[in-house]
């Protein structure tokens, strides 16, 4: 019952963050009806700030849930951006090397402002998902000293949040679950969600605006490259869902999870993991 209640509350916060697209759909305002789809996409991304603000107000003072430790915040966020971009580039590069994408260069100088805006948009959208999963759900169980449940349950929730995305299937679920496990390990190592929030943000930003790949089954604006799948062979490109559902992504994420688990194990033998308090 407790697990179910935590999930219900988490889904409620998720619905609050999507209030902007909900209201637009309710009043028949759809981006396909206009010529300003980029502005509408940005509105959806920035609209998730409502969820962040709501959670910060509601859980103020609870550092287990609002895991925004000030110590090394800038360093951890910078490392998250660097690690996330390198990892996405590695996976995309392997798929491209094996002929999975036809890559087109579409960059124009007028796209610079859009790139900046979409970076901040994805930073907000990704931070909300991290605050919801690695903050609220994971923090709830860490306060009760149930580390395994904290990691597994937030990873399950993260996977479930993407079930309605086009192309979602078992390979996509595995990819998302492994990604969430890795983000959980980053929180355990750093004591905050700065690094995993940055990793998640740059992943989505690189996937859509930079490399022009489908973002978890959802179409996204592309401003530098456009990666057109040359095959429907899902183990290579991930099929309709995109790169996260590919076997290449799953293998790289699994290796990352093993590496981080090894680091955590070694740190626990010498000293406790960093606390967010």
C-alpha atoms as a PDB file:
ATOM      1  CA  UNK A   1       0.000   0.000   0.000  1.00  0.00           C
ATOM      2  CA  UNK A   2       2.850   2.389   0.777  1.00  0.00           C
ATOM      3  CA  UNK A   3       4.502   1.718  -2.572  1.00  0.00           C
ATOM      4  CA  UNK A   4       1.195   2.282  -4.344  1.00  0.00           C
ATOM      5  CA  UNK A   5       0.630   5.552  -2.475  1.00  0.00           C
ATOM      6  CA  UNK A   6       4.100   6.841  -3.342  1.00  0.00           C
ATOM      7  CA  UNK A   7       3.493   6.007  -7.014  1.00  0.00           C
ATOM      8  CA  UNK A   8       0.073   7.693  -7.006  1.00  0.00           C
ATOM      9  CA  UNK A   9       1.546  10.874  -5.522  1.00  0.00           C
ATOM     10  CA  UNK A  10       4.383  10.761  -8.069  1.00  0.00           C
ATOM     11  CA  UNK A  11       1.937  10.416 -10.960  1.00  0.00           C
ATOM     12  CA  UNK A  12      -0.056  13.334  -9.539  1.00  0.00           C
ATOM     13  CA  UNK A  13       3.057  15.524  -9.626  1.00  0.00           C
ATOM     14  CA  UNK A  14       3.697  14.348 -13.181  1.00  0.00           C
ATOM     15  CA  UNK A  15       0.178  15.377 -14.205  1.00  0.00           C
ATOM     16  CA  UNK A  16       0.686  18.799 -12.624  1.00  0.00           C
ATOM     17  CA  UNK A  17       3.848  19.324 -14.656  1.00  0.00           C
ATOM     18  CA  UNK A  18       1.862  18.603 -17.844  1.00  0.00           C
ATOM     19  CA  UNK A  19      -0.889  21.101 -17.071  1.00  0.00           C
ATOM     20  CA  UNK A  20       0.222  23.401 -19.935  1.00  0.00           C
ATOM     21  CA  UNK A  21      -0.190  20.857 -22.776  1.00  0.00           C
ATOM     22  CA  UNK A  22      -3.351  19.549 -21.081  1.00  0.00           C
ATOM     23  CA  UNK A  23      -4.977  22.981 -21.105  1.00  0.00           C
ATOM     24  CA  UNK A  24      -3.855  23.601 -24.677  1.00  0.00           C
ATOM     25  CA  UNK A  25      -5.423  20.325 -25.759  1.00  0.00           C
ATOM     26  CA  UNK A  26      -8.543  21.059 -23.743  1.00  0.00           C
ATOM     27  CA  UNK A  27      -9.050  24.353 -25.550  1.00  0.00           C
ATOM     28  CA  UNK A  28      -8.114  22.898 -28.940  1.00  0.00           C
ATOM     29  CA  UNK A  29      -4.797  24.721 -29.212  1.00  0.00           C
ATOM     30  CA  UNK A  30      -2.504  22.260 -30.997  1.00  0.00           C
ATOM     31  CA  UNK A  31       0.936  23.001 -32.350  1.00  0.00           C
ATOM     32  CA  UNK A  32       0.107  21.229 -35.629  1.00  0.00           C
ATOM     33  CA  UNK A  33      -2.486  23.922 -36.271  1.00  0.00           C
ATOM     34  CA  UNK A  34       0.164  26.639 -36.356  1.00  0.00           C
ATOM     35  CA  UNK A  35       3.465  27.476 -38.007  1.00  0.00           C
ATOM     36  CA  UNK A  36       5.276  27.978 -34.711  1.00  0.00           C
ATOM     37  CA  UNK A  37       5.801  24.389 -33.573  1.00  0.00           C
ATOM     38  CA  UNK A  38       9.207  25.230 -32.086  1.00  0.00           C
ATOM     39  CA  UNK A  39       7.615  27.736 -29.726  1.00  0.00           C
ATOM     40  CA  UNK A  40       5.016  25.182 -28.666  1.00  0.00           C
ATOM     41  CA  UNK A  41       7.689  22.553 -27.993  1.00  0.00           C
ATOM     42  CA  UNK A  42       9.527  25.063 -25.827  1.00  0.00           C
ATOM     43  CA  UNK A  43       6.318  25.887 -23.998  1.00  0.00           C
ATOM     44  CA  UNK A  44       5.851  22.219 -23.123  1.00  0.00           C
ATOM     45  CA  UNK A  45       9.441  21.929 -21.854  1.00  0.00           C
ATOM     46  CA  UNK A  46       9.433  25.136 -19.820  1.00  0.00           C
ATOM     47  CA  UNK A  47       5.946  24.306 -18.533  1.00  0.00           C
ATOM     48  CA  UNK A  48       7.413  21.459 -16.467  1.00  0.00           C
ATOM     49  CA  UNK A  49       8.894  24.138 -14.216  1.00  0.00           C
ATOM     50  CA  UNK A  50       5.419  24.173 -12.634  1.00  0.00           C
ATOM     51  CA  UNK A  51       6.130  20.695 -11.280  1.00  0.00           C
ATOM     52  CA  UNK A  52       9.530  21.728  -9.924  1.00  0.00           C
ATOM     53  CA  UNK A  53       8.141  24.840  -8.229  1.00  0.00           C
ATOM     54  CA  UNK A  54       5.256  22.899  -6.746  1.00  0.00           C
ATOM     55  CA  UNK A  55       7.523  20.196  -5.314  1.00  0.00           C
ATOM     56  CA  UNK A  56      10.028  22.717  -3.944  1.00  0.00           C
ATOM     57  CA  UNK A  57       7.246  24.576  -2.135  1.00  0.00           C
ATOM     58  CA  UNK A  58       5.542  21.427  -0.844  1.00  0.00           C
ATOM     59  CA  UNK A  59       8.692  19.604   0.316  1.00  0.00           C
ATOM     60  CA  UNK A  60      10.678  22.668   1.458  1.00  0.00           C
ATOM     61  CA  UNK A  61      13.121  21.706   4.179  1.00  0.00           C
ATOM     62  CA  UNK A  62      13.176  18.008   3.242  1.00  0.00           C
ATOM     63  CA  UNK A  63      16.702  17.501   1.925  1.00  0.00           C
ATOM     64  CA  UNK A  64      16.140  13.826   1.211  1.00  0.00           C
ATOM     65  CA  UNK A  65      13.523  14.705  -1.405  1.00  0.00           C
ATOM     66  CA  UNK A  66      14.872  18.113  -2.484  1.00  0.00           C
ATOM     67  CA  UNK A  67      18.341  16.669  -2.941  1.00  0.00           C
ATOM     68  CA  UNK A  68      20.006  19.876  -4.105  1.00  0.00           C
ATOM     69  CA  UNK A  69      23.169  19.778  -2.009  1.00  0.00           C
ATOM     70  CA  UNK A  70      25.125  23.029  -2.381  1.00  0.00           C
ATOM     71  CA  UNK A  71      28.495  21.353  -1.935  1.00  0.00           C
ATOM     72  CA  UNK A  72      30.141  20.797  -5.340  1.00  0.00           C
ATOM     73  CA  UNK A  73      26.872  21.653  -7.118  1.00  0.00           C
ATOM     74  CA  UNK A  74      28.542  23.474 -10.038  1.00  0.00           C
ATOM     75  CA  UNK A  75      31.204  20.791 -10.394  1.00  0.00           C
ATOM     76  CA  UNK A  76      28.680  17.957 -10.360  1.00  0.00           C
ATOM     77  CA  UNK A  77      26.416  19.672 -12.886  1.00  0.00           C
ATOM     78  CA  UNK A  78      29.368  20.327 -15.192  1.00  0.00           C
ATOM     79  CA  UNK A  79      30.533  16.719 -14.907  1.00  0.00           C
ATOM     80  CA  UNK A  80      27.012  15.526 -15.656  1.00  0.00           C
ATOM     81  CA  UNK A  81      26.909  17.594 -18.842  1.00  0.00           C
ATOM     82  CA  UNK A  82      30.315  16.264 -19.904  1.00  0.00           C
ATOM     83  CA  UNK A  83      29.637  12.592 -19.089  1.00  0.00           C
ATOM     84  CA  UNK A  84      26.163  12.665 -20.611  1.00  0.00           C
ATOM     85  CA  UNK A  85      27.316  14.191 -23.878  1.00  0.00           C
ATOM     86  CA  UNK A  86      30.241  11.774 -24.188  1.00  0.00           C
ATOM     87  CA  UNK A  87      28.041   8.753 -23.518  1.00  0.00           C
ATOM     88  CA  UNK A  88      25.330   9.780 -25.947  1.00  0.00           C
ATOM     89  CA  UNK A  89      27.912  10.600 -28.617  1.00  0.00           C
ATOM     90  CA  UNK A  90      29.512   7.184 -28.095  1.00  0.00           C
ATOM     91  CA  UNK A  91      26.236   5.303 -28.558  1.00  0.00           C
ATOM     92  CA  UNK A  92      25.189   7.447 -31.535  1.00  0.00           C
ATOM     93  CA  UNK A  93      28.652   7.013 -33.066  1.00  0.00           C
ATOM     94  CA  UNK A  94      28.540   3.207 -32.781  1.00  0.00           C
ATOM     95  CA  UNK A  95      25.093   3.068 -34.392  1.00  0.00           C
ATOM     96  CA  UNK A  96      26.216   5.416 -37.182  1.00  0.00           C
ATOM     97  CA  UNK A  97      29.418   3.422 -37.706  1.00  0.00           C
ATOM     98  CA  UNK A  98      27.334   0.295 -38.318  1.00  0.00           C
ATOM     99  CA  UNK A  99      25.202   2.140 -40.863  1.00  0.00           C
ATOM    100  CA  UNK A 100      22.170   2.799 -38.678  1.00  0.00           C
ATOM    101  CA  UNK A 101      21.844   6.488 -39.594  1.00  0.00           C
ATOM    102  CA  UNK A 102      22.133   8.639 -42.650  1.00  0.00           C
ATOM    103  CA  UNK A 103      23.451  11.903 -41.211  1.00  0.00           C
ATOM    104  CA  UNK A 104      22.567  15.273 -42.722  1.00  0.00           C
ATOM    105  CA  UNK A 105      24.057  18.617 -41.665  1.00  0.00           C
ATOM    106  CA  UNK A 106      21.208  21.126 -41.302  1.00  0.00           C
ATOM    107  CA  UNK A 107      22.805  23.832 -39.137  1.00  0.00           C
ATOM    108  CA  UNK A 108      22.118  27.485 -39.867  1.00  0.00           C
ATOM    109  CA  UNK A 109      23.276  30.549 -37.961  1.00  0.00           C
ATOM    110  CA  UNK A 110      19.682  31.451 -37.158  1.00  0.00           C
ATOM    111  CA  UNK A 111      19.429  28.237 -35.123  1.00  0.00           C
ATOM    112  CA  UNK A 112      21.780  29.438 -32.360  1.00  0.00           C
ATOM    113  CA  UNK A 113      19.064  31.127 -30.317  1.00  0.00           C
ATOM    114  CA  UNK A 114      16.796  28.081 -30.642  1.00  0.00           C
ATOM    115  CA  UNK A 115      19.654  25.851 -29.452  1.00  0.00           C
ATOM    116  CA  UNK A 116      20.125  27.935 -26.312  1.00  0.00           C
ATOM    117  CA  UNK A 117      16.399  28.003 -25.567  1.00  0.00           C
ATOM    118  CA  UNK A 118      15.995  24.264 -26.094  1.00  0.00           C
ATOM    119  CA  UNK A 119      18.996  23.554 -23.870  1.00  0.00           C
ATOM    120  CA  UNK A 120      17.351  25.389 -20.981  1.00  0.00           C
ATOM    121  CA  UNK A 121      14.017  23.780 -21.847  1.00  0.00           C
ATOM    122  CA  UNK A 122      15.450  20.273 -21.654  1.00  0.00           C
ATOM    123  CA  UNK A 123      17.355  21.237 -18.496  1.00  0.00           C
ATOM    124  CA  UNK A 124      14.026  22.105 -16.841  1.00  0.00           C
ATOM    125  CA  UNK A 125      12.150  19.080 -18.197  1.00  0.00           C
ATOM    126  CA  UNK A 126      14.910  16.639 -17.211  1.00  0.00           C
ATOM    127  CA  UNK A 127      15.398  18.171 -13.771  1.00  0.00           C
ATOM    128  CA  UNK A 128      11.704  17.712 -13.045  1.00  0.00           C
ATOM    129  CA  UNK A 129      11.903  14.009 -13.941  1.00  0.00           C
ATOM    130  CA  UNK A 130      15.005  13.655 -11.771  1.00  0.00           C
ATOM    131  CA  UNK A 131      13.363  15.514  -8.890  1.00  0.00           C
ATOM    132  CA  UNK A 132      10.333  13.255  -9.202  1.00  0.00           C
ATOM    133  CA  UNK A 133      12.198   9.932  -9.490  1.00  0.00           C
ATOM    134  CA  UNK A 134      15.648  10.410  -7.933  1.00  0.00           C
ATOM    135  CA  UNK A 135      14.331  13.101  -5.597  1.00  0.00           C
ATOM    136  CA  UNK A 136      10.869  12.247  -4.278  1.00  0.00           C
ATOM    137  CA  UNK A 137      10.595   8.464  -4.791  1.00  0.00           C
ATOM    138  CA  UNK A 138      14.235   7.643  -4.139  1.00  0.00           C
ATOM    139  CA  UNK A 139      14.462  10.081  -1.227  1.00  0.00           C
ATOM    140  CA  UNK A 140      11.322   8.659   0.374  1.00  0.00           C
ATOM    141  CA  UNK A 141      12.898   5.208   0.673  1.00  0.00           C
ATOM    142  CA  UNK A 142      16.407   6.438   1.491  1.00  0.00           C
ATOM    143  CA  UNK A 143      14.967   8.165   4.572  1.00  0.00           C
ATOM    144  CA  UNK A 144      13.759   4.718   5.634  1.00  0.00           C
ATOM    145  CA  UNK A 145      17.203   3.221   4.938  1.00  0.00           C
ATOM    146  CA  UNK A 146      15.912   0.997   2.136  1.00  0.00           C
ATOM    147  CA  UNK A 147      18.532   1.634  -0.529  1.00  0.00           C
ATOM    148  CA  UNK A 148      17.616  -1.260  -2.829  1.00  0.00           C
ATOM    149  CA  UNK A 149      13.945  -0.273  -2.835  1.00  0.00           C
ATOM    150  CA  UNK A 150      14.914   3.362  -3.389  1.00  0.00           C
ATOM    151  CA  UNK A 151      16.858   2.469  -6.523  1.00  0.00           C
ATOM    152  CA  UNK A 152      14.514  -0.150  -7.986  1.00  0.00           C
ATOM    153  CA  UNK A 153      11.205   1.630  -7.344  1.00  0.00           C
ATOM    154  CA  UNK A 154      12.263   4.979  -8.767  1.00  0.00           C
ATOM    155  CA  UNK A 155      13.649   3.171 -11.844  1.00  0.00           C
ATOM    156  CA  UNK A 156      10.318   1.365 -12.284  1.00  0.00           C
ATOM    157  CA  UNK A 157       8.420   4.651 -12.006  1.00  0.00           C
ATOM    158  CA  UNK A 158      10.730   6.318 -14.539  1.00  0.00           C
ATOM    159  CA  UNK A 159      10.041   3.489 -16.967  1.00  0.00           C
ATOM    160  CA  UNK A 160       6.277   3.649 -16.413  1.00  0.00           C
ATOM    161  CA  UNK A 161       6.246   7.402 -17.069  1.00  0.00           C
ATOM    162  CA  UNK A 162       7.277   6.681 -20.675  1.00  0.00           C
ATOM    163  CA  UNK A 163       4.776   3.907 -21.369  1.00  0.00           C
ATOM    164  CA  UNK A 164       2.520   6.170 -23.434  1.00  0.00           C
ATOM    165  CA  UNK A 165       5.350   7.253 -25.735  1.00  0.00           C
ATOM    166  CA  UNK A 166       5.160   6.018 -29.358  1.00  0.00           C
ATOM    167  CA  UNK A 167       7.075   2.794 -29.938  1.00  0.00           C
ATOM    168  CA  UNK A 168       7.336   1.831 -26.259  1.00  0.00           C
ATOM    169  CA  UNK A 169       8.045  -1.895 -25.900  1.00  0.00           C
ATOM    170  CA  UNK A 170      10.184  -4.298 -23.888  1.00  0.00           C
ATOM    171  CA  UNK A 171      13.572  -3.174 -25.320  1.00  0.00           C
ATOM    172  CA  UNK A 172      12.589   0.451 -24.647  1.00  0.00           C
ATOM    173  CA  UNK A 173      11.596  -0.449 -21.085  1.00  0.00           C
ATOM    174  CA  UNK A 174      14.940  -2.181 -20.512  1.00  0.00           C
ATOM    175  CA  UNK A 175      16.851   0.810 -21.854  1.00  0.00           C
ATOM    176  CA  UNK A 176      14.913   3.280 -19.701  1.00  0.00           C
ATOM    177  CA  UNK A 177      15.244   1.082 -16.618  1.00  0.00           C
ATOM    178  CA  UNK A 178      19.030   0.816 -16.998  1.00  0.00           C
ATOM    179  CA  UNK A 179      19.269   4.574 -17.559  1.00  0.00           C
ATOM    180  CA  UNK A 180      17.308   5.166 -14.338  1.00  0.00           C
ATOM    181  CA  UNK A 181      19.493   2.749 -12.384  1.00  0.00           C
ATOM    182  CA  UNK A 182      22.594   4.651 -13.532  1.00  0.00           C
ATOM    183  CA  UNK A 183      21.029   7.991 -12.534  1.00  0.00           C
ATOM    184  CA  UNK A 184      20.200   6.524  -9.118  1.00  0.00           C
ATOM    185  CA  UNK A 185      23.806   5.446  -8.695  1.00  0.00           C
ATOM    186  CA  UNK A 186      24.946   8.981  -9.512  1.00  0.00           C
ATOM    187  CA  UNK A 187      22.750  10.262  -6.675  1.00  0.00           C
ATOM    188  CA  UNK A 188      24.182   7.709  -4.262  1.00  0.00           C
ATOM    189  CA  UNK A 189      27.723   8.699  -5.212  1.00  0.00           C
ATOM    190  CA  UNK A 190      27.291  12.471  -5.095  1.00  0.00           C
ATOM    191  CA  UNK A 191      24.558  12.867  -2.478  1.00  0.00           C
ATOM    192  CA  UNK A 192      22.457  15.063  -4.782  1.00  0.00           C
ATOM    193  CA  UNK A 193      20.616  15.107  -8.103  1.00  0.00           C
ATOM    194  CA  UNK A 194      22.767  17.778  -9.777  1.00  0.00           C
ATOM    195  CA  UNK A 195      24.914  15.319 -11.738  1.00  0.00           C
ATOM    196  CA  UNK A 196      22.067  13.051 -12.849  1.00  0.00           C
ATOM    197  CA  UNK A 197      19.924  16.086 -13.691  1.00  0.00           C
ATOM    198  CA  UNK A 198      22.657  17.455 -15.945  1.00  0.00           C
ATOM    199  CA  UNK A 199      23.360  14.035 -17.502  1.00  0.00           C
ATOM    200  CA  UNK A 200      19.658  13.602 -18.280  1.00  0.00           C
ATOM    201  CA  UNK A 201      19.370  17.136 -19.685  1.00  0.00           C
ATOM    202  CA  UNK A 202      22.325  16.910 -22.054  1.00  0.00           C
ATOM    203  CA  UNK A 203      21.221  13.431 -23.144  1.00  0.00           C
ATOM    204  CA  UNK A 204      17.828  14.723 -24.321  1.00  0.00           C
ATOM    205  CA  UNK A 205      19.338  17.898 -25.748  1.00  0.00           C
ATOM    206  CA  UNK A 206      21.984  15.991 -27.704  1.00  0.00           C
ATOM    207  CA  UNK A 207      19.446  13.429 -28.858  1.00  0.00           C
ATOM    208  CA  UNK A 208      17.025  15.949 -30.363  1.00  0.00           C
ATOM    209  CA  UNK A 209      18.402  19.424 -31.179  1.00  0.00           C
ATOM    210  CA  UNK A 210      22.036  18.357 -31.723  1.00  0.00           C
ATOM    211  CA  UNK A 211      22.012  14.919 -33.374  1.00  0.00           C
ATOM    212  CA  UNK A 212      18.439  14.919 -34.669  1.00  0.00           C
ATOM    213  CA  UNK A 213      17.296  11.584 -33.215  1.00  0.00           C
ATOM    214  CA  UNK A 214      13.820  10.759 -31.890  1.00  0.00           C
ATOM    215  CA  UNK A 215      13.681  11.524 -28.138  1.00  0.00           C
ATOM    216  CA  UNK A 216      12.145   8.477 -26.438  1.00  0.00           C
ATOM    217  CA  UNK A 217       9.611   8.010 -29.215  1.00  0.00           C
ATOM    218  CA  UNK A 218       8.727  11.709 -29.377  1.00  0.00           C
ATOM    219  CA  UNK A 219       9.614  13.891 -32.352  1.00  0.00           C
ATOM    220  CA  UNK A 220      11.930  16.780 -31.549  1.00  0.00           C
ATOM    221  CA  UNK A 221      13.298  19.855 -33.260  1.00  0.00           C
ATOM    222  CA  UNK A 222      16.729  19.376 -34.876  1.00  0.00           C
ATOM    223  CA  UNK A 223      19.157  22.244 -35.429  1.00  0.00           C
ATOM    224  CA  UNK A 224      22.641  20.840 -36.162  1.00  0.00           C
ATOM    225  CA  UNK A 225      22.357  17.296 -37.525  1.00  0.00           C
ATOM    226  CA  UNK A 226      19.487  15.130 -38.723  1.00  0.00           C
ATOM    227  CA  UNK A 227      19.975  11.402 -38.201  1.00  0.00           C
ATOM    228  CA  UNK A 228      17.690   9.430 -40.507  1.00  0.00           C
ATOM    229  CA  UNK A 229      17.423   5.693 -39.678  1.00  0.00           C
ATOM    230  CA  UNK A 230      18.517   3.547 -42.604  1.00  0.00           C
ATOM    231  CA  UNK A 231      16.904   0.415 -41.182  1.00  0.00           C
ATOM    232  CA  UNK A 232      13.966  -0.649 -39.012  1.00  0.00           C
ATOM    233  CA  UNK A 233      16.195  -3.256 -37.330  1.00  0.00           C
ATOM    234  CA  UNK A 234      15.423  -2.387 -33.705  1.00  0.00           C
ATOM    235  CA  UNK A 235      18.534  -3.877 -32.042  1.00  0.00           C
ATOM    236  CA  UNK A 236      20.619  -1.334 -33.970  1.00  0.00           C
ATOM    237  CA  UNK A 237      18.593   1.899 -34.047  1.00  0.00           C
ATOM    238  CA  UNK A 238      15.847   1.237 -31.501  1.00  0.00           C
ATOM    239  CA  UNK A 239      13.042   1.354 -34.054  1.00  0.00           C
ATOM    240  CA  UNK A 240      10.202   3.825 -33.562  1.00  0.00           C
ATOM    241  CA  UNK A 241      11.105   4.557 -29.940  1.00  0.00           C
ATOM    242  CA  UNK A 242      14.581   5.664 -30.872  1.00  0.00           C
ATOM    243  CA  UNK A 243      18.098   5.162 -29.623  1.00  0.00           C
ATOM    244  CA  UNK A 244      17.167   4.220 -26.031  1.00  0.00           C
ATOM    245  CA  UNK A 245      15.509   1.007 -27.282  1.00  0.00           C
ATOM    246  CA  UNK A 246      18.585  -0.156 -29.190  1.00  0.00           C
ATOM    247  CA  UNK A 247      20.778  -3.029 -28.047  1.00  0.00           C
ATOM    248  CA  UNK A 248      23.799  -0.738 -28.393  1.00  0.00           C
ATOM    249  CA  UNK A 249      22.345   1.660 -25.829  1.00  0.00           C
ATOM    250  CA  UNK A 250      21.362  -1.169 -23.475  1.00  0.00           C
ATOM    251  CA  UNK A 251      24.869  -2.675 -23.549  1.00  0.00           C
ATOM    252  CA  UNK A 252      26.596   0.676 -22.918  1.00  0.00           C
ATOM    253  CA  UNK A 253      24.189   1.493 -20.091  1.00  0.00           C
ATOM    254  CA  UNK A 254      24.675  -1.947 -18.549  1.00  0.00           C
ATOM    255  CA  UNK A 255      28.444  -1.419 -18.586  1.00  0.00           C
ATOM    256  CA  UNK A 256      27.951   1.985 -16.941  1.00  0.00           C
ATOM    257  CA  UNK A 257      25.740   0.442 -14.245  1.00  0.00           C
ATOM    258  CA  UNK A 258      28.374  -2.222 -13.520  1.00  0.00           C
ATOM    259  CA  UNK A 259      31.145   0.398 -13.378  1.00  0.00           C
ATOM    260  CA  UNK A 260      29.174   2.631 -10.999  1.00  0.00           C
ATOM    261  CA  UNK A 261      28.196  -0.367  -8.842  1.00  0.00           C
ATOM    262  CA  UNK A 262      31.882  -1.251  -8.522  1.00  0.00           C
ATOM    263  CA  UNK A 263      32.767   2.298  -7.508  1.00  0.00           C
ATOM    264  CA  UNK A 264      29.938   2.373  -4.943  1.00  0.00           C
ATOM    265  CA  UNK A 265      31.036  -0.974  -3.512  1.00  0.00           C
ATOM    266  CA  UNK A 266      34.626   0.211  -3.141  1.00  0.00           C
ATOM    267  CA  UNK A 267      33.543   3.480  -1.506  1.00  0.00           C
ATOM    268  CA  UNK A 268      31.324   1.660   0.957  1.00  0.00           C
ATOM    269  CA  UNK A 269      34.272  -0.443   2.036  1.00  0.00           C
ATOM    270  CA  UNK A 270      36.248   2.675   2.927  1.00  0.00           C
ATOM    271  CA  UNK A 271      33.624   5.243   3.991  1.00  0.00           C
ATOM    272  CA  UNK A 272      29.862   5.884   3.843  1.00  0.00           C
ATOM    273  CA  UNK A 273      28.387   7.343   0.680  1.00  0.00           C
ATOM    274  CA  UNK A 274      27.916  11.112   0.628  1.00  0.00           C
ATOM    275  CA  UNK A 275      24.766  12.260   2.395  1.00  0.00           C
ATOM    276  CA  UNK A 276      22.542  15.015   1.061  1.00  0.00           C
ATOM    277  CA  UNK A 277      22.160  16.428   4.564  1.00  0.00           C
END
